[in-house]
Amino acid sequence: MKRQQEQKRVHIRHENVWSEQEMLWQLRELLYRFYGDEGKKA
């Protein structure tokens, strides 16, 4: 039972590789929006 959960977790993590990348881009967008021109200069 426990081993099955481990495999499932690894599988889900593998599927979400692109999702993590998307989150990084969204976070960067938020930072740019938050800091405005200051963020774009940096």
C-alpha atoms as a PDB file:
ATOM      1  CA  MET A   1       0.000   0.000   0.000  1.00  0.00           C
ATOM      2  CA  LYS A   2       2.733   2.428   1.001  1.00  0.00           C
ATOM      3  CA  ARG A   3       4.840   1.488  -2.017  1.00  0.00           C
ATOM      4  CA  GLN A   4       1.900   2.225  -4.312  1.00  0.00           C
ATOM      5  CA  GLN A   5       1.614   5.740  -2.878  1.00  0.00           C
ATOM      6  CA  GLU A   6       5.337   6.310  -3.453  1.00  0.00           C
ATOM      7  CA  GLN A   7       5.041   5.342  -7.128  1.00  0.00           C
ATOM      8  CA  LYS A   8       1.985   7.565  -7.527  1.00  0.00           C
ATOM      9  CA  ARG A   9       3.821  10.530  -6.012  1.00  0.00           C
ATOM     10  CA  VAL A  10       6.763  10.083  -8.396  1.00  0.00           C
ATOM     11  CA  HIS A  11       4.375   9.814 -11.355  1.00  0.00           C
ATOM     12  CA  ILE A  12       2.502  12.981 -10.369  1.00  0.00           C
ATOM     13  CA  ARG A  13       5.775  14.835  -9.874  1.00  0.00           C
ATOM     14  CA  HIS A  14       6.916  13.759 -13.342  1.00  0.00           C
ATOM     15  CA  GLU A  15       3.674  15.031 -14.901  1.00  0.00           C
ATOM     16  CA  ASN A  16       3.958  18.373 -13.123  1.00  0.00           C
ATOM     17  CA  VAL A  17       7.417  19.306 -14.400  1.00  0.00           C
ATOM     18  CA  TRP A  18       5.930  21.808 -16.850  1.00  0.00           C
ATOM     19  CA  SER A  19       3.457  23.046 -14.250  1.00  0.00           C
ATOM     20  CA  GLU A  20       6.365  23.975 -11.959  1.00  0.00           C
ATOM     21  CA  GLN A  21       7.947  25.903 -14.849  1.00  0.00           C
ATOM     22  CA  GLU A  22       4.641  27.710 -15.437  1.00  0.00           C
ATOM     23  CA  MET A  23       4.489  28.646 -11.755  1.00  0.00           C
ATOM     24  CA  LEU A  24       7.999  30.118 -11.932  1.00  0.00           C
ATOM     25  CA  TRP A  25       7.015  32.256 -14.918  1.00  0.00           C
ATOM     26  CA  GLN A  26       3.809  33.406 -13.203  1.00  0.00           C
ATOM     27  CA  LEU A  27       5.781  34.299 -10.075  1.00  0.00           C
ATOM     28  CA  ARG A  28       8.193  36.358 -12.183  1.00  0.00           C
ATOM     29  CA  GLU A  29       5.262  38.104 -13.877  1.00  0.00           C
ATOM     30  CA  LEU A  30       3.807  38.981 -10.469  1.00  0.00           C
ATOM     31  CA  LEU A  31       7.146  40.407  -9.337  1.00  0.00           C
ATOM     32  CA  TYR A  32       7.401  42.544 -12.472  1.00  0.00           C
ATOM     33  CA  ARG A  33       3.851  43.794 -11.993  1.00  0.00           C
ATOM     34  CA  PHE A  34       4.445  44.440  -8.286  1.00  0.00           C
ATOM     35  CA  TYR A  35       7.669  46.393  -8.738  1.00  0.00           C
ATOM     36  CA  GLY A  36       6.649  47.964 -12.032  1.00  0.00           C
ATOM     37  CA  ASP A  37       9.475  49.757 -13.885  1.00  0.00           C
ATOM     38  CA  GLU A  38      11.936  49.065 -11.054  1.00  0.00           C
ATOM     39  CA  GLY A  39      11.519  45.319 -11.601  1.00  0.00           C
ATOM     40  CA  LYS A  40      12.105  45.620 -15.350  1.00  0.00           C
ATOM     41  CA  LYS A  41      15.379  47.519 -14.811  1.00  0.00           C
ATOM     42  CA  ALA A  42      16.779  44.829 -12.495  1.00  0.00           C
END
